[in-house]
C-alpha atoms as a PDB file:
ATOM      1  CA  MET A   1    -110.905  23.556 184.860  1.00  0.00           C
ATOM      2  CA  HIS A   2    -109.502  27.016 184.132  1.00  0.00           C
ATOM      3  CA  ASP A   3    -106.000  26.897 182.865  1.00  0.00           C
ATOM      4  CA  ALA A   4    -104.222  29.777 184.641  1.00  0.00           C
ATOM      5  CA  ARG A   5    -101.236  29.609 182.225  1.00  0.00           C
ATOM      6  CA  THR A   6    -103.503  29.807 179.137  1.00  0.00           C
ATOM      7  CA  GLY A   7    -105.319  32.832 180.636  1.00  0.00           C
ATOM      8  CA  ASN A   8    -102.071  34.445 181.474  1.00  0.00           C
ATOM      9  CA  LEU A   9    -100.707  33.897 177.983  1.00  0.00           C
ATOM     10  CA  LEU A  10    -103.962  35.246 176.470  1.00  0.00           C
ATOM     11  CA  GLY A  11    -103.723  38.290 178.751  1.00  0.00           C
ATOM     12  CA  ALA A  12    -100.059  39.030 177.806  1.00  0.00           C
ATOM     13  CA  ALA A  13    -100.865  38.570 174.137  1.00  0.00           C
ATOM     14  CA  ALA A  14    -103.909  40.697 174.210  1.00  0.00           C
ATOM     15  CA  LEU A  15    -102.200  43.546 175.989  1.00  0.00           C
ATOM     16  CA  THR A  16     -99.149  43.436 173.707  1.00  0.00           C
ATOM     17  CA  VAL A  17    -101.355  43.352 170.551  1.00  0.00           C
ATOM     18  CA  THR A  18    -103.377  46.244 172.020  1.00  0.00           C
ATOM     19  CA  ASP A  19    -100.330  48.331 172.714  1.00  0.00           C
ATOM     20  CA  LEU A  20     -98.851  47.610 169.209  1.00  0.00           C
ATOM     21  CA  VAL A  21    -102.229  48.434 167.422  1.00  0.00           C
ATOM     22  CA  LEU A  22    -102.961  51.521 169.474  1.00  0.00           C
ATOM     23  CA  ALA A  23     -99.385  52.801 168.958  1.00  0.00           C
ATOM     24  CA  GLY A  24     -99.716  52.369 165.225  1.00  0.00           C
ATOM     25  CA  ALA A  25    -103.248  53.701 165.025  1.00  0.00           C
ATOM     26  CA  THR A  26    -102.796  56.793 167.203  1.00  0.00           C
ATOM     27  CA  GLY A  27     -99.443  57.499 165.645  1.00  0.00           C
ATOM     28  CA  ALA A  28    -100.897  57.316 162.127  1.00  0.00           C
ATOM     29  CA  ALA A  29    -103.749  59.721 162.935  1.00  0.00           C
ATOM     30  CA  GLY A  30    -102.063  61.753 165.641  1.00  0.00           C
ATOM     31  CA  VAL A  31    -105.002  61.311 168.014  1.00  0.00           C
ATOM     32  CA  SER A  32    -105.844  59.547 171.279  1.00  0.00           C
ATOM     33  CA  ALA A  33    -107.016  56.002 171.370  1.00  0.00           C
ATOM     34  CA  SER A  34    -110.627  57.084 171.828  1.00  0.00           C
ATOM     35  CA  GLY A  35    -110.115  59.647 169.029  1.00  0.00           C
ATOM     36  CA  ALA A  36    -108.857  56.926 166.721  1.00  0.00           C
ATOM     37  CA  ALA A  37    -111.852  54.744 167.618  1.00  0.00           C
ATOM     38  CA  ALA A  38    -114.191  57.754 166.997  1.00  0.00           C
ATOM     39  CA  LEU A  39    -112.773  58.388 163.547  1.00  0.00           C
ATOM     40  CA  VAL A  40    -113.310  54.738 162.543  1.00  0.00           C
ATOM     41  CA  VAL A  41    -116.806  54.623 163.963  1.00  0.00           C
ATOM     42  CA  LEU A  42    -117.639  57.934 162.137  1.00  0.00           C
ATOM     43  CA  ALA A  43    -116.126  56.766 158.924  1.00  0.00           C
ATOM     44  CA  ALA A  44    -118.583  53.795 159.068  1.00  0.00           C
ATOM     45  CA  SER A  45    -121.512  55.743 160.514  1.00  0.00           C
ATOM     46  CA  PRO A  46    -121.279  59.499 159.858  1.00  0.00           C
ATOM     47  CA  GLY A  47    -123.744  61.733 161.502  1.00  0.00           C
ATOM     48  CA  LEU A  48    -123.906  60.200 164.913  1.00  0.00           C
ATOM     49  CA  SER A  49    -124.854  62.344 167.863  1.00  0.00           C
ATOM     50  CA  GLY A  50    -122.114  63.064 170.387  1.00  0.00           C
ATOM     51  CA  THR A  51    -123.933  60.902 172.973  1.00  0.00           C
ATOM     52  CA  GLU A  52    -124.157  57.930 170.537  1.00  0.00           C
ATOM     53  CA  LEU A  53    -120.557  58.300 169.434  1.00  0.00           C
ATOM     54  CA  GLY A  54    -119.493  58.361 173.124  1.00  0.00           C
ATOM     55  CA  ARG A  55    -121.449  55.131 173.806  1.00  0.00           C
ATOM     56  CA  ARG A  56    -119.870  53.464 170.802  1.00  0.00           C
ATOM     57  CA  VAL A  57    -116.340  54.301 171.898  1.00  0.00           C
ATOM     58  CA  GLY A  58    -116.969  53.793 175.587  1.00  0.00           C
ATOM     59  CA  LEU A  59    -116.952  57.295 176.850  1.00  0.00           C
ATOM     60  CA  SER A  60    -119.244  59.336 179.057  1.00  0.00           C
ATOM     61  CA  GLN A  61    -121.127  62.192 177.461  1.00  0.00           C
ATOM     62  CA  SER A  62    -118.779  64.819 178.857  1.00  0.00           C
ATOM     63  CA  ALA A  63    -115.654  62.897 177.845  1.00  0.00           C
ATOM     64  CA  ALA A  64    -117.070  62.350 174.396  1.00  0.00           C
ATOM     65  CA  ALA A  65    -117.813  66.086 174.034  1.00  0.00           C
ATOM     66  CA  ARG A  66    -114.142  66.834 175.035  1.00  0.00           C
ATOM     67  CA  MET A  67    -112.933  64.269 172.448  1.00  0.00           C
ATOM     68  CA  VAL A  68    -115.126  65.741 169.712  1.00  0.00           C
ATOM     69  CA  ASP A  69    -113.797  69.263 170.631  1.00  0.00           C
ATOM     70  CA  ALA A  70    -110.230  67.981 170.197  1.00  0.00           C
ATOM     71  CA  LEU A  71    -111.041  66.217 166.823  1.00  0.00           C
ATOM     72  CA  GLU A  72    -112.835  69.340 165.638  1.00  0.00           C
ATOM     73  CA  GLY A  73    -109.856  71.466 166.671  1.00  0.00           C
ATOM     74  CA  ARG A  74    -107.697  69.357 164.473  1.00  0.00           C
ATOM     75  CA  GLY A  75    -110.007  69.671 161.559  1.00  0.00           C
ATOM     76  CA  LEU A  76    -110.911  65.910 161.626  1.00  0.00           C
ATOM     77  CA  VAL A  77    -114.628  66.201 162.359  1.00  0.00           C
ATOM     78  CA  GLU A  78    -117.340  68.907 162.165  1.00  0.00           C
ATOM     79  CA  ARG A  79    -120.609  69.403 164.012  1.00  0.00           C
ATOM     80  CA  ARG A  80    -123.748  69.937 162.080  1.00  0.00           C
ATOM     81  CA  PRO A  81    -127.319  70.522 163.147  1.00  0.00           C
ATOM     82  CA  GLY A  82    -129.264  67.299 163.642  1.00  0.00           C
ATOM     83  CA  GLN A  83    -132.828  66.504 164.612  1.00  0.00           C
ATOM     84  CA  GLY A  84    -134.242  68.892 167.144  1.00  0.00           C
ATOM     85  CA  ARG A  85    -131.426  69.961 169.516  1.00  0.00           C
ATOM     86  CA  GLU A  86    -129.259  67.164 168.540  1.00  0.00           C
ATOM     87  CA  VAL A  87    -125.866  67.816 166.921  1.00  0.00           C
ATOM     88  CA  SER A  88    -124.549  65.485 164.214  1.00  0.00           C
ATOM     89  CA  ILE A  89    -120.826  64.652 164.135  1.00  0.00           C
ATOM     90  CA  ARG A  90    -119.358  63.948 160.743  1.00  0.00           C
ATOM     91  CA  PRO A  91    -115.837  63.270 159.675  1.00  0.00           C
ATOM     92  CA  THR A  92    -114.209  65.856 157.402  1.00  0.00           C
ATOM     93  CA  ARG A  93    -112.194  64.840 154.360  1.00  0.00           C
ATOM     94  CA  ALA A  94    -109.104  64.891 156.586  1.00  0.00           C
ATOM     95  CA  GLY A  95    -110.955  62.796 159.187  1.00  0.00           C
ATOM     96  CA  ARG A  96    -111.844  60.138 156.621  1.00  0.00           C
ATOM     97  CA  ARG A  97    -108.276  60.042 155.331  1.00  0.00           C
ATOM     98  CA  ALA A  98    -107.007  59.772 158.964  1.00  0.00           C
ATOM     99  CA  ALA A  99    -109.406  56.861 159.629  1.00  0.00           C
ATOM    100  CA  GLY A 100    -108.111  55.100 156.518  1.00  0.00           C
ATOM    101  CA  GLU A 101    -104.509  55.684 157.601  1.00  0.00           C
ATOM    102  CA  LEU A 102    -105.077  54.376 161.039  1.00  0.00           C
ATOM    103  CA  LEU A 103    -106.920  51.297 159.849  1.00  0.00           C
ATOM    104  CA  ALA A 104    -103.972  50.596 157.508  1.00  0.00           C
ATOM    105  CA  ALA A 105    -101.477  51.084 160.395  1.00  0.00           C
ATOM    106  CA  ARG A 106    -103.594  48.802 162.519  1.00  0.00           C
ATOM    107  CA  GLY A 107    -103.691  46.189 159.740  1.00  0.00           C
ATOM    108  CA  THR A 108     -99.934  46.376 159.328  1.00  0.00           C
ATOM    109  CA  ARG A 109     -99.367  45.820 163.033  1.00  0.00           C
ATOM    110  CA  LEU A 110    -101.844  42.884 163.110  1.00  0.00           C
ATOM    111  CA  ALA A 111    -100.301  41.273 160.064  1.00  0.00           C
ATOM    112  CA  GLY A 112     -96.925  41.438 161.661  1.00  0.00           C
ATOM    113  CA  ALA A 113     -98.237  39.775 164.771  1.00  0.00           C
ATOM    114  CA  LEU A 114     -99.759  36.981 162.724  1.00  0.00           C
ATOM    115  CA  ALA A 115     -96.680  36.519 160.559  1.00  0.00           C
ATOM    116  CA  VAL A 116     -95.183  34.015 163.007  1.00  0.00           C
ATOM    117  CA  LEU A 117     -98.041  31.627 162.260  1.00  0.00           C
ATOM    118  CA  ASP A 118     -98.363  29.395 159.219  1.00  0.00           C
ATOM    119  CA  ASP A 119    -101.604  29.212 157.133  1.00  0.00           C
ATOM    120  CA  ALA A 120    -102.974  26.274 159.073  1.00  0.00           C
ATOM    121  CA  GLU A 121    -102.309  27.947 162.446  1.00  0.00           C
ATOM    122  CA  ARG A 122    -103.847  31.191 161.203  1.00  0.00           C
ATOM    123  CA  ALA A 123    -106.983  29.245 160.078  1.00  0.00           C
ATOM    124  CA  ALA A 124    -107.138  27.564 163.501  1.00  0.00           C
ATOM    125  CA  LEU A 125    -106.723  30.868 165.300  1.00  0.00           C
ATOM    126  CA  THR A 126    -109.504  32.398 163.152  1.00  0.00           C
ATOM    127  CA  GLY A 127    -111.994  29.830 164.366  1.00  0.00           C
ATOM    128  CA  LEU A 128    -110.884  30.178 168.003  1.00  0.00           C
ATOM    129  CA  LEU A 129    -111.091  33.965 167.754  1.00  0.00           C
ATOM    130  CA  GLU A 130    -114.579  33.745 166.297  1.00  0.00           C
ATOM    131  CA  LYS A 131    -115.687  31.631 169.240  1.00  0.00           C
ATOM    132  CA  LEU A 132    -113.901  33.774 171.769  1.00  0.00           C
ATOM    133  CA  LEU A 133    -115.409  37.001 170.364  1.00  0.00           C
ATOM    134  CA  THR A 134    -118.917  35.441 170.416  1.00  0.00           C
ATOM    135  CA  GLY A 135    -118.469  34.732 174.158  1.00  0.00           C
ATOM    136  CA  LEU A 136    -116.878  38.212 174.765  1.00  0.00           C
ATOM    137  CA  TYR A 137    -119.918  39.787 173.164  1.00  0.00           C
ATOM    138  CA  GLY A 138    -122.001  38.094 175.747  1.00  0.00           C
ATOM    139  CA  GLU A 139    -119.963  39.879 178.415  1.00  0.00           C
ATOM    140  CA  VAL A 140    -119.908  43.289 176.824  1.00  0.00           C
ATOM    141  CA  GLY A 141    -123.327  43.127 175.114  1.00  0.00           C
ATOM    142  CA  ASP A 142    -122.580  45.890 172.560  1.00  0.00           C
ATOM    143  CA  ALA A 143    -121.204  44.970 169.069  1.00  0.00           C
ATOM    144  CA  GLN A 144    -120.406  48.676 168.299  1.00  0.00           C
ATOM    145  CA  LEU A 145    -118.191  48.841 171.387  1.00  0.00           C
ATOM    146  CA  VAL A 146    -116.461  45.570 170.715  1.00  0.00           C
ATOM    147  CA  CYS A 147    -115.717  46.481 167.138  1.00  0.00           C
ATOM    148  CA  ARG A 148    -114.961  50.173 167.654  1.00  0.00           C
ATOM    149  CA  LEU A 149    -111.536  49.904 165.941  1.00  0.00           C
ATOM    150  CA  CYS A 150    -112.408  47.140 163.495  1.00  0.00           C
ATOM    151  CA  ASP A 151    -111.797  47.220 159.822  1.00  0.00           C
ATOM    152  CA  ARG A 152    -115.411  46.116 159.145  1.00  0.00           C
ATOM    153  CA  GLY A 153    -114.706  45.214 155.508  1.00  0.00           C
ATOM    154  CA  SER A 154    -111.973  42.734 156.297  1.00  0.00           C
ATOM    155  CA  CYS A 155    -114.212  41.016 158.793  1.00  0.00           C
ATOM    156  CA  THR A 156    -117.308  40.683 156.595  1.00  0.00           C
ATOM    157  CA  GLU A 157    -115.959  40.053 153.111  1.00  0.00           C
ATOM    158  CA  GLY A 158    -116.721  36.385 152.418  1.00  0.00           C
ATOM    159  CA  ALA A 159    -117.511  35.746 156.044  1.00  0.00           C
ATOM    160  CA  VAL A 160    -119.927  36.688 158.824  1.00  0.00           C
ATOM    161  CA  CYS A 161    -118.707  38.885 161.651  1.00  0.00           C
ATOM    162  CA  PRO A 162    -119.014  36.759 164.843  1.00  0.00           C
ATOM    163  CA  VAL A 163    -119.818  39.774 166.943  1.00  0.00           C
ATOM    164  CA  GLY A 164    -122.456  40.984 164.647  1.00  0.00           C
ATOM    165  CA  GLN A 165    -123.996  37.492 164.438  1.00  0.00           C
ATOM    166  CA  ALA A 166    -123.981  37.206 168.257  1.00  0.00           C
ATOM    167  CA  GLU A 167    -125.815  40.484 168.457  1.00  0.00           C
ATOM    168  CA  ARG A 168    -128.374  39.437 165.814  1.00  0.00           C
ATOM    169  CA  ASP A 169    -128.873  36.089 167.669  1.00  0.00           C
ATOM    170  CA  ARG A 170    -129.453  37.923 170.943  1.00  0.00           C
ATOM    171  CA  GLU A 171    -131.908  40.258 169.336  1.00  0.00           C
ATOM    172  CA  GLY A 172    -133.811  37.321 167.623  1.00  0.00           C
ATOM    173  CA  ARG A 173    -132.715  38.424 164.089  1.00  0.00           C
ATOM    174  CA  THR A 174    -130.873  36.307 161.515  1.00  0.00           C
END
């Protein structure tokens, strides 16, 4: 049976954590939430097309183009010729620095949220979040979108990313 209270508590916690993380991330980089996600994605995968970048951050092609225009105007990304008519989007040095700063701000906010838990509670929460993210991946179906603001290194050092593993399992890869 669905526990309405548990769902409500999860919703309130998720929204509050999202608000805190986005405020820290967007404030650190001075960009919108989608711009922050774009900088993180490009830091991990420089040279994406505008269309692919938009897909990874959950924007339409036209909205992604406007976001890239804004980031380019701030000197955080640059457009370069790609294959054929495609344009490659790359972070500038300032864009890479901004991505690092926003991930650090995000990490600080998340660490603060977790500080109320002891070590055993954090370990239990880690297991529950891995299971929850695996299930949520099934709903979203796109690891890049789920992890668009993730600090990939912190998730994969000494562990397997549950979202990446769910995607590999769906695709029949190990």
